[in-house]
Protein backbone atom coordinates (compact mmCIF):
# COMPACT_ATOMS: atom_id res chain seq x y z
CA MET A 1 -25.27 26.04 17.08
CA THR A 2 -22.40 28.24 17.48
CA THR A 3 -20.29 27.72 14.51
CA SER A 4 -18.53 31.01 15.07
CA VAL A 5 -14.83 29.28 15.26
CA ILE A 6 -15.60 27.71 12.08
CA ASP A 7 -16.69 31.12 10.95
CA GLU A 8 -13.64 33.18 11.44
CA ASP A 9 -11.55 30.20 9.92
CA VAL A 10 -13.75 30.48 6.68
CA LEU A 11 -12.50 33.92 6.59
CA ASP A 12 -9.13 33.55 7.25
CA ILE A 13 -9.43 30.73 4.55
CA LEU A 14 -10.79 33.49 1.97
CA SER A 15 -7.97 35.81 2.44
CA ALA A 16 -5.72 33.36 0.94
CA PRO A 17 -4.24 34.28 -2.59
CA VAL A 18 -6.35 31.93 -4.74
CA GLN A 19 -8.48 32.08 -7.55
CA TRP A 20 -11.85 31.69 -5.57
CA GLY A 21 -13.55 32.46 -9.08
CA ALA A 22 -12.68 29.94 -10.74
CA PHE A 23 -15.56 27.98 -8.65
CA ASP A 24 -18.20 30.59 -9.88
CA SER A 25 -20.82 28.62 -11.60
CA SER A 26 -19.34 25.20 -11.03
CA SER A 27 -20.48 21.99 -9.89
CA VAL A 28 -18.14 20.85 -6.64
CA LEU A 29 -18.52 16.91 -5.72
CA ILE A 30 -16.76 16.23 -2.73
CA SER A 31 -16.59 12.68 -0.72
CA GLY A 32 -16.24 12.13 2.87
CA GLY A 33 -18.22 15.76 3.30
CA GLY A 34 -18.85 15.26 6.37
CA GLY A 35 -15.44 14.47 7.84
CA MET A 36 -12.86 17.00 9.48
CA LEU A 37 -10.75 18.00 6.37
CA ALA A 38 -13.24 18.13 3.94
CA SER A 39 -16.36 19.50 5.80
CA TYR A 40 -13.86 22.97 6.01
CA MET A 41 -13.58 23.13 2.27
CA LEU A 42 -17.49 21.96 1.81
CA GLU A 43 -18.14 25.08 4.04
CA THR A 44 -15.53 27.88 2.55
CA LEU A 45 -17.46 26.84 -1.00
CA LEU A 46 -20.78 27.74 0.20
CA GLN A 47 -19.65 30.75 1.99
CA LEU A 48 -18.49 32.11 -1.27
CA SER A 49 -21.58 33.72 -2.06
CA LEU A 50 -20.96 35.54 1.00
CA HIS A 51 -18.50 37.04 0.22
CA GLY A 52 -18.59 38.81 -3.65
CA TYR A 53 -18.10 35.33 -5.53
CA ARG A 54 -20.86 33.95 -7.47
CA GLY A 55 -19.45 30.52 -5.83
CA PRO A 56 -20.28 26.94 -7.16
CA GLU A 57 -24.33 25.93 -8.10
CA ARG A 58 -23.76 23.06 -6.83
CA VAL A 59 -21.96 21.47 -3.82
CA ILE A 60 -22.64 17.78 -3.42
CA CYS A 61 -21.87 15.96 -0.11
CA LEU A 62 -21.54 12.61 -0.43
CA ALA A 63 -22.02 10.92 2.51
CA ARG A 64 -23.00 7.46 3.95
CA SER A 65 -24.95 8.74 6.61
CA THR A 66 -27.73 11.59 5.29
CA GLU A 67 -28.90 12.63 9.09
CA ARG A 68 -25.17 12.33 10.14
CA ALA A 69 -24.61 14.93 7.38
CA ARG A 70 -27.52 17.06 7.60
CA ALA A 71 -26.40 17.55 11.29
CA ARG A 72 -23.14 18.57 10.44
CA PHE A 73 -24.70 20.90 7.88
CA ALA A 74 -27.74 22.05 9.34
CA ARG A 75 -27.45 25.57 8.91
CA TYR A 76 -27.08 25.07 5.02
CA LEU A 77 -29.93 23.06 4.26
CA ASP A 78 -32.13 25.84 2.52
CA HIS A 79 -28.73 26.90 0.91
CA SER A 80 -29.71 26.62 -2.73
CA ALA A 81 -26.31 24.84 -3.69
CA LEU A 82 -25.79 22.17 -1.30
CA ARG A 83 -27.15 18.43 -2.72
CA ILE A 84 -26.37 15.59 -0.12
CA LEU A 85 -25.86 12.04 -1.94
CA GLN A 86 -26.34 9.32 -0.09
CA ALA A 87 -23.71 6.42 -1.16
CA ASP A 88 -20.55 4.26 -0.20
CA VAL A 89 -18.00 5.79 -2.46
CA SER A 90 -16.79 1.92 -2.30
CA GLU A 91 -19.84 1.00 -4.10
CA SER A 92 -21.23 1.80 -7.38
CA PHE A 93 -23.08 5.05 -7.63
CA ALA A 94 -24.21 7.43 -9.86
CA VAL A 95 -23.81 11.64 -9.96
CA ASP A 96 -26.91 13.65 -12.32
CA GLY A 97 -25.25 16.47 -14.27
CA PRO A 98 -21.47 17.92 -14.07
CA ALA A 99 -18.91 17.48 -11.66
CA ASP A 100 -16.49 20.07 -12.54
CA PHE A 101 -14.13 19.56 -9.26
CA ILE A 102 -14.09 16.17 -7.75
CA VAL A 103 -12.40 16.23 -3.77
CA HIS A 104 -12.14 12.13 -2.62
CA ALA A 105 -11.58 12.58 1.22
CA ALA A 106 -13.62 9.52 2.31
CA SER A 107 -11.53 7.32 4.17
CA GLN A 108 -11.67 5.66 7.76
CA ALA A 109 -8.46 7.81 9.15
CA SER A 110 -8.52 7.21 12.97
CA PRO A 111 -6.28 4.17 13.82
CA ARG A 112 -9.38 2.74 15.87
CA PHE A 113 -10.82 1.56 12.91
CA TYR A 114 -7.81 -0.22 11.40
CA GLY A 115 -7.87 -3.12 13.11
CA THR A 116 -12.15 -3.30 13.31
CA ASP A 117 -12.31 -2.68 9.93
CA PRO A 118 -9.38 -2.87 7.51
CA VAL A 119 -11.36 -4.07 4.61
CA GLY A 120 -13.22 -0.89 4.67
CA THR A 121 -10.48 1.04 5.15
CA LEU A 122 -8.96 -0.48 1.66
CA SER A 123 -11.97 -0.04 0.02
CA ALA A 124 -12.53 3.86 0.68
CA ASN A 125 -9.12 4.16 -0.93
CA MET A 126 -8.86 1.83 -3.41
CA LEU A 127 -12.20 0.98 -4.69
CA GLY A 128 -13.90 4.35 -3.58
CA THR A 129 -10.56 6.09 -5.65
CA ARG A 130 -11.66 4.17 -8.66
CA ASN A 131 -15.14 5.18 -8.29
CA MET A 132 -14.30 8.94 -8.29
CA LEU A 133 -11.27 8.86 -10.88
CA GLU A 134 -14.07 7.27 -12.96
CA ILE A 135 -16.54 9.99 -12.58
CA ALA A 136 -14.05 12.62 -13.20
CA ARG A 137 -12.87 11.00 -16.57
CA HIS A 138 -16.56 10.71 -17.61
CA LYS A 139 -17.80 13.83 -16.89
CA ALA A 140 -14.24 15.42 -17.79
CA SER A 141 -13.84 17.03 -14.77
CA ARG A 142 -11.35 20.19 -14.47
CA ARG A 143 -9.45 18.85 -11.66
CA LEU A 144 -9.82 15.94 -9.14
CA LEU A 145 -7.89 16.54 -5.57
CA PHE A 146 -6.99 13.10 -3.81
CA PHE A 147 -6.70 13.00 -0.18
CA SER A 148 -3.66 11.13 0.73
CA SER A 149 -2.05 11.13 4.10
CA SER A 150 1.65 11.18 6.02
CA GLU A 151 1.41 7.54 6.13
CA VAL A 152 2.49 6.48 2.75
CA TYR A 153 6.21 7.37 3.98
CA GLY A 154 6.62 4.37 6.44
CA ALA A 155 9.29 4.85 8.50
CA VAL A 156 11.55 7.08 7.12
CA PRO A 157 15.37 7.32 8.20
CA ALA A 158 16.56 10.20 10.29
CA ALA A 159 19.04 10.94 7.67
CA GLN A 160 15.73 12.15 5.57
CA MET A 161 13.82 14.47 7.91
CA PRO A 162 11.96 16.79 7.40
CA ILE A 163 10.50 14.44 4.37
CA ALA A 164 10.34 15.38 0.99
CA GLU A 165 7.77 14.12 -1.44
CA ASP A 166 9.67 11.57 -3.15
CA ALA A 167 11.56 10.02 -0.07
CA TYR A 168 10.44 6.86 1.41
CA GLY A 169 11.10 4.22 4.01
CA TYR A 170 10.01 1.00 5.28
CA LEU A 171 6.48 -0.27 5.41
CA ASP A 172 5.62 -3.78 6.15
CA PRO A 173 2.70 -4.53 3.91
CA THR A 174 1.49 -7.82 6.06
CA LEU A 175 0.82 -5.59 9.04
CA VAL A 176 -3.22 -5.04 9.50
CA ARG A 177 -2.49 -1.37 10.24
CA SER A 178 -1.51 -0.94 6.39
CA CYS A 179 -4.52 -1.62 5.32
CA TYR A 180 -4.73 2.36 5.69
CA SER A 181 -1.25 3.45 4.53
CA GLU A 182 -0.94 0.78 1.48
CA GLY A 183 -4.55 1.89 0.70
CA LYS A 184 -3.44 5.39 0.22
CA ARG A 185 -0.08 4.58 -1.67
CA ALA A 186 -2.54 2.72 -4.12
CA GLY A 187 -5.23 5.68 -4.48
CA GLU A 188 -2.14 8.11 -5.26
CA THR A 189 -0.80 5.27 -7.74
CA MET A 190 -4.59 5.49 -9.77
CA CYS A 191 -4.59 8.97 -9.60
CA VAL A 192 -1.14 9.18 -11.58
CA ALA A 193 -2.34 5.91 -13.76
CA TRP A 194 -5.85 7.85 -15.11
CA ALA A 195 -4.08 10.70 -15.40
CA HIS A 196 -1.44 9.14 -17.80
CA GLN A 197 -3.82 7.23 -19.49
CA TYR A 198 -7.25 8.81 -19.43
CA SER A 199 -5.90 12.63 -18.78
CA VAL A 200 -7.97 12.80 -15.61
CA PRO A 201 -6.10 15.81 -14.12
CA SER A 202 -5.72 14.35 -10.50
CA VAL A 203 -3.76 16.15 -7.83
CA ILE A 204 -2.52 14.68 -4.33
CA VAL A 205 -2.45 16.23 -1.05
CA ARG A 206 -0.66 14.56 1.65
CA PRO A 207 -2.04 15.71 4.99
CA PHE A 208 0.61 15.21 8.31
CA HIS A 209 -1.37 15.18 11.99
CA THR A 210 -4.23 17.97 11.05
CA PHE A 211 -6.58 18.97 13.84
CA GLY A 212 -9.38 21.65 14.75
CA PRO A 213 -13.04 22.00 14.84
CA GLY A 214 -15.10 19.01 13.94
CA LEU A 215 -12.63 16.36 15.07
CA ALA A 216 -14.21 13.47 17.39
CA LEU A 217 -12.75 13.74 20.72
CA ASP A 218 -12.74 9.78 20.70
CA ASP A 219 -10.77 9.55 17.71
CA GLY A 220 -7.83 7.91 19.32
CA ARG A 221 -4.86 10.33 18.53
CA VAL A 222 -2.92 12.11 20.63
CA PHE A 223 -4.45 15.59 19.34
CA ALA A 224 -7.61 14.30 20.25
CA ASP A 225 -6.66 12.66 23.31
CA PHE A 226 -4.92 16.13 24.42
CA VAL A 227 -8.40 18.19 23.27
CA ALA A 228 -10.74 15.80 25.46
CA ASP A 229 -8.31 16.06 28.47
CA ILE A 230 -8.49 20.22 28.44
CA VAL A 231 -12.28 20.10 27.53
CA ASN A 232 -13.11 18.17 30.35
CA ARG A 233 -10.53 20.10 32.67
CA ARG A 234 -8.54 16.70 33.81
CA ASP A 235 -4.44 16.52 33.36
CA ILE A 236 -3.49 15.91 29.68
CA THR A 237 -1.85 12.51 29.87
CA ILE A 238 0.29 10.71 27.66
CA LYS A 239 0.79 6.59 27.82
CA GLY A 240 4.31 6.16 26.90
CA ASP A 241 7.53 8.29 27.30
CA GLY A 242 6.58 11.29 25.34
CA SER A 243 9.45 10.92 23.09
CA MET A 244 7.62 10.40 19.41
CA SER A 245 7.88 13.89 17.73
CA ARG A 246 5.07 15.05 15.22
CA ALA A 247 4.22 18.00 13.20
CA PHE A 248 0.84 19.00 14.38
CA CYS A 249 -1.19 21.38 11.56
CA TYR A 250 -4.53 23.51 11.93
CA VAL A 251 -7.60 22.60 9.57
CA ALA A 252 -7.57 26.43 8.41
CA ASP A 253 -4.13 26.36 7.80
CA ALA A 254 -4.49 23.15 6.10
CA THR A 255 -7.68 23.82 4.08
CA ARG A 256 -5.73 27.08 2.80
CA ALA A 257 -3.43 24.65 1.14
CA TYR A 258 -5.92 21.72 -0.06
CA PHE A 259 -7.47 24.93 -2.46
CA THR A 260 -4.10 25.97 -3.58
CA ALA A 261 -2.97 22.65 -4.42
CA MET A 262 -6.09 21.56 -6.34
CA LEU A 263 -6.25 25.08 -8.19
CA GLN A 264 -2.67 25.59 -8.91
CA GLY A 265 -1.19 22.21 -8.34
CA ALA A 266 0.46 20.03 -11.14
CA SER A 267 -1.51 17.04 -12.35
CA GLY A 268 0.07 13.88 -11.05
CA LEU A 269 2.16 15.48 -8.40
CA ALA A 270 1.95 15.06 -4.57
CA TYR A 271 2.05 17.75 -2.02
CA ASN A 272 2.74 17.74 1.80
CA VAL A 273 0.74 19.75 3.87
CA GLY A 274 1.15 20.03 7.16
CA SER A 275 3.50 22.11 9.98
CA ASP A 276 7.34 22.02 9.81
CA GLU A 277 7.40 22.67 13.46
CA GLU A 278 8.36 19.50 14.91
CA ILE A 279 7.65 18.81 18.23
CA THR A 280 7.17 15.43 20.79
CA ILE A 281 4.47 14.67 22.54
CA ARG A 282 6.23 15.52 26.03
CA ASN A 283 6.74 19.23 24.46
CA LEU A 284 3.33 19.63 23.32
CA ALA A 285 2.17 18.28 26.66
CA GLN A 286 4.18 20.53 28.49
CA ARG A 287 2.92 23.69 26.34
CA LEU A 288 -0.52 22.90 26.47
CA GLU A 289 0.02 22.96 30.21
CA ALA A 290 1.20 25.74 30.00
CA ALA A 291 -1.19 27.38 27.54
CA PHE A 292 -4.69 26.42 29.60
CA GLY A 293 -2.50 26.78 32.89
CA GLU A 294 -5.42 28.59 34.23
CA ARG A 295 -7.25 25.47 34.05
CA GLY A 296 -4.69 24.15 36.62
CA ILE A 297 -4.15 20.87 34.14
CA ARG A 298 -1.05 19.34 34.54
CA ALA A 299 1.06 17.12 32.06
CA MET A 300 1.32 13.56 33.04
CA PHE A 301 3.30 11.13 31.42
CA LEU A 302 2.61 7.41 32.93
CA GLU A 303 4.81 4.68 31.01
CA THR A 304 1.96 1.98 30.14
CA PRO A 305 0.94 1.30 26.91
CA ARG A 306 -2.32 1.98 24.99
CA THR A 307 -4.75 -0.72 26.81
CA ASP A 308 -7.72 0.04 23.60
CA SER A 309 -6.92 -3.36 21.58
CA ALA A 310 -8.95 -1.42 18.88
CA TYR A 311 -5.94 1.18 18.32
CA VAL A 312 -3.45 -0.14 16.14
CA VAL A 313 -0.36 1.70 17.48
CA SER A 314 2.10 3.72 14.73
CA THR A 315 5.50 2.05 14.88
CA VAL A 316 7.17 5.38 13.65
CA ASN A 317 8.88 7.65 16.03
CA ARG A 318 9.41 10.94 13.61
CA VAL A 319 6.84 12.38 11.33
CA CYS A 320 8.06 15.89 9.95
CA PRO A 321 7.12 17.31 6.28
CA ASP A 322 9.07 19.05 4.22
CA ILE A 323 6.60 21.29 2.64
CA THR A 324 9.11 23.35 0.57
CA ARG A 325 6.83 21.98 -2.81
CA ILE A 326 3.52 23.56 -1.57
CA ARG A 327 5.39 26.72 -0.21
CA GLN A 328 6.36 27.13 -3.60
CA LEU A 329 2.29 27.77 -4.74
CA GLY A 330 2.40 30.78 -2.21
CA TRP A 331 1.35 28.90 0.99
CA SER A 332 2.51 28.60 4.12
CA PRO A 333 0.79 27.55 7.97
CA THR A 334 0.35 30.73 10.33
CA THR A 335 -1.71 29.44 13.41
CA SER A 336 0.63 28.43 16.33
CA ILE A 337 0.23 25.22 18.22
CA GLU A 338 -1.35 26.99 21.22
CA ASP A 339 -3.88 28.88 19.33
CA SER A 340 -4.79 26.02 17.11
CA PHE A 341 -5.74 24.20 20.64
CA ARG A 342 -7.39 27.34 22.07
CA ARG A 343 -9.23 27.54 18.85
CA THR A 344 -10.31 24.07 18.86
CA VAL A 345 -11.63 23.78 22.63
CA ARG A 346 -13.41 26.67 22.16
CA TYR A 347 -15.35 25.10 19.49
CA CYS A 348 -15.73 21.64 21.43
CA GLU A 349 -16.82 23.93 24.75
CA ASP A 350 -19.37 25.94 22.40
CA GLN A 351 -20.84 23.06 21.02
CA LEU A 352 -21.15 21.28 24.80
CA LYS A 353 -22.73 24.62 25.63
CA ALA A 354 -25.32 24.87 22.71
CA ALA A 355 -26.20 21.11 22.97
CA SER A 356 -26.64 21.92 26.79
CA SER A 357 -29.46 24.82 26.18
CA LEU A 358 -31.33 22.54 24.46
CA ARG A 359 -32.06 19.76 26.44
């Protein structure tokens, strides 16, 4: 399996002024370790020993499917630190030995799940968060990192853009799509409650529209659709007028922020993680048309709604974070939108070539 893009990204992550030695001889438990965001953290931890650090003694990847986890981390199966534990984070499970650091990233992040499995979406963020907090409590973990989401803000008024951590807009809890955002809100409150009552040191990160290698091309979100279009050398297609605006962040940039918040952030505090470069979907498509011009790809705008009934569309028109708080810890995004997509496309095409060579 070709992983050169990820290896380059890990080197970039390890160049960050993070206290990497804190993980030496530790035990790290990661739920959702096979997902795009957490897998980057897991790979970084496993590569610490290759870059002048002792690294963790154990990195436990909690996964519902050991088969998928083993496939994702195939080249690390002989690594002395890697453990793959099959369990559903929403149900009771046991972890032997210490858990010095805990990352709770298990969640159904794609909107295509919100309409088909809202109960499972809620459960991972509520029942799962409780289970991980209880493990942290009983094992006296040094830090728990909870992956929340920008979705907790709801529809924030334009006057409050970019969105700071204490700005909240309208969110209807009776909509099925709110299973994700309300689940994340509850998870955040649980982290604060356990920190207050049981002194569990919990830090919250709120990722904003993050993508990169490991992204499922059928994810349903616009960045996945655009990457799939480019990889398949077809016109970039938007269903709608493209007026929605977002701020897109490359996964390696975001991973540096996650480690920064985990080790240097304040317990009970939430940190926005994302790019602060806001761009409309229309402008994004046009920039990608220019960036991949040699492929003859054009940006196409279709004034028709999405027809996938399982995908529950967001009604929020603008999303852009204020990242002042995480900047104060020494982090900032550095990868341009064009380079983010180039690296993601390159990874996907490397994967396709590797799969083709095995046939």
